Amino acid sequence: MNEHVYKKIEITGSSAQGMEHAVRNAVGKAAQTVKHMDWFEVVETRGQIQDGVIAFWQVTVKIGFRLQD
């Protein structure tokens, strides 16, 4: 088993479609510039209410990625 060292970043994704879609937006955007991502952790969920219904989701995630030599 290899030993790894990880760094974490915290970002927030948003979506009108739901929590999972907000997470996917955050991870997908991070993947455009961050290499060697291995895991994510949801740390906060919130949403916007309009006229008594959920209009928008925001999900904050921590993403762990391996540091390279």
Protein backbone atom coordinates (compact mmCIF):
# COMPACT_ATOMS: atom_id res chain seq x y z
CA MET A 1 0.00 0.00 0.00
CA ASN A 2 1.35 3.41 -0.94
CA GLU A 3 1.40 6.23 1.56
CA HIS A 4 -0.08 9.51 0.38
CA VAL A 5 -0.24 13.07 1.61
CA TYR A 6 -3.43 14.97 0.90
CA LYS A 7 -4.47 18.60 0.73
CA LYS A 8 -8.08 19.75 1.12
CA ILE A 9 -9.90 22.59 -0.55
CA GLU A 10 -13.38 23.84 0.31
CA ILE A 11 -15.75 24.98 -2.42
CA THR A 12 -19.49 25.55 -2.82
CA GLY A 13 -21.56 24.30 -5.74
CA SER A 14 -25.08 25.43 -6.52
CA SER A 15 -28.03 24.08 -8.46
CA ALA A 16 -31.75 24.59 -8.91
CA GLN A 17 -32.06 20.83 -9.53
CA GLY A 18 -31.02 19.52 -6.09
CA MET A 19 -28.26 18.78 -3.62
CA GLU A 20 -26.59 16.02 -5.59
CA HIS A 21 -26.46 18.19 -8.69
CA ALA A 22 -24.88 21.01 -6.65
CA VAL A 23 -22.17 18.59 -5.44
CA ARG A 24 -21.57 17.37 -8.98
CA ASN A 25 -21.25 20.98 -10.17
CA ALA A 26 -18.65 21.72 -7.49
CA VAL A 27 -16.59 18.57 -8.13
CA GLY A 28 -16.83 18.96 -11.90
CA LYS A 29 -15.61 22.54 -11.80
CA ALA A 30 -12.74 21.66 -9.46
CA ALA A 31 -11.72 18.80 -11.76
CA GLN A 32 -10.96 21.34 -14.49
CA THR A 33 -7.92 22.60 -12.55
CA VAL A 34 -7.24 20.28 -9.58
CA LYS A 35 -5.43 17.00 -10.33
CA HIS A 36 -5.42 13.75 -8.35
CA MET A 37 -8.73 14.31 -6.54
CA ASP A 38 -9.66 11.25 -4.48
CA TRP A 39 -12.61 12.10 -2.23
CA PHE A 40 -15.13 14.69 -1.14
CA GLU A 41 -16.98 15.44 2.08
CA VAL A 42 -20.21 17.45 2.32
CA VAL A 43 -19.75 19.98 5.13
CA GLU A 44 -22.73 22.32 4.68
CA THR A 45 -26.05 22.37 2.87
CA ARG A 46 -28.33 25.36 2.49
CA GLY A 47 -30.95 26.60 0.11
CA GLN A 48 -32.97 29.54 -1.04
CA ILE A 49 -36.74 29.65 -0.56
CA GLN A 50 -39.01 31.59 -2.91
CA ASP A 51 -42.78 31.74 -2.45
CA GLY A 52 -42.68 28.91 0.07
CA VAL A 53 -40.77 26.39 -2.08
CA ILE A 54 -37.12 25.46 -2.48
CA ALA A 55 -35.72 27.44 -5.39
CA PHE A 56 -31.98 26.80 -5.16
CA TRP A 57 -29.48 24.55 -3.37
CA GLN A 58 -25.94 25.41 -2.24
CA VAL A 59 -23.68 22.62 -1.02
CA THR A 60 -20.23 23.21 0.43
CA VAL A 61 -17.78 20.34 0.00
CA LYS A 62 -14.22 19.64 0.99
CA ILE A 63 -12.26 17.89 -1.75
CA GLY A 64 -9.14 15.89 -0.95
CA PHE A 65 -6.40 15.52 -3.51
CA ARG A 66 -3.01 13.79 -3.39
CA LEU A 67 0.11 15.92 -3.34
CA GLN A 68 2.68 14.80 -5.87
CA ASP A 69 6.41 14.45 -5.29
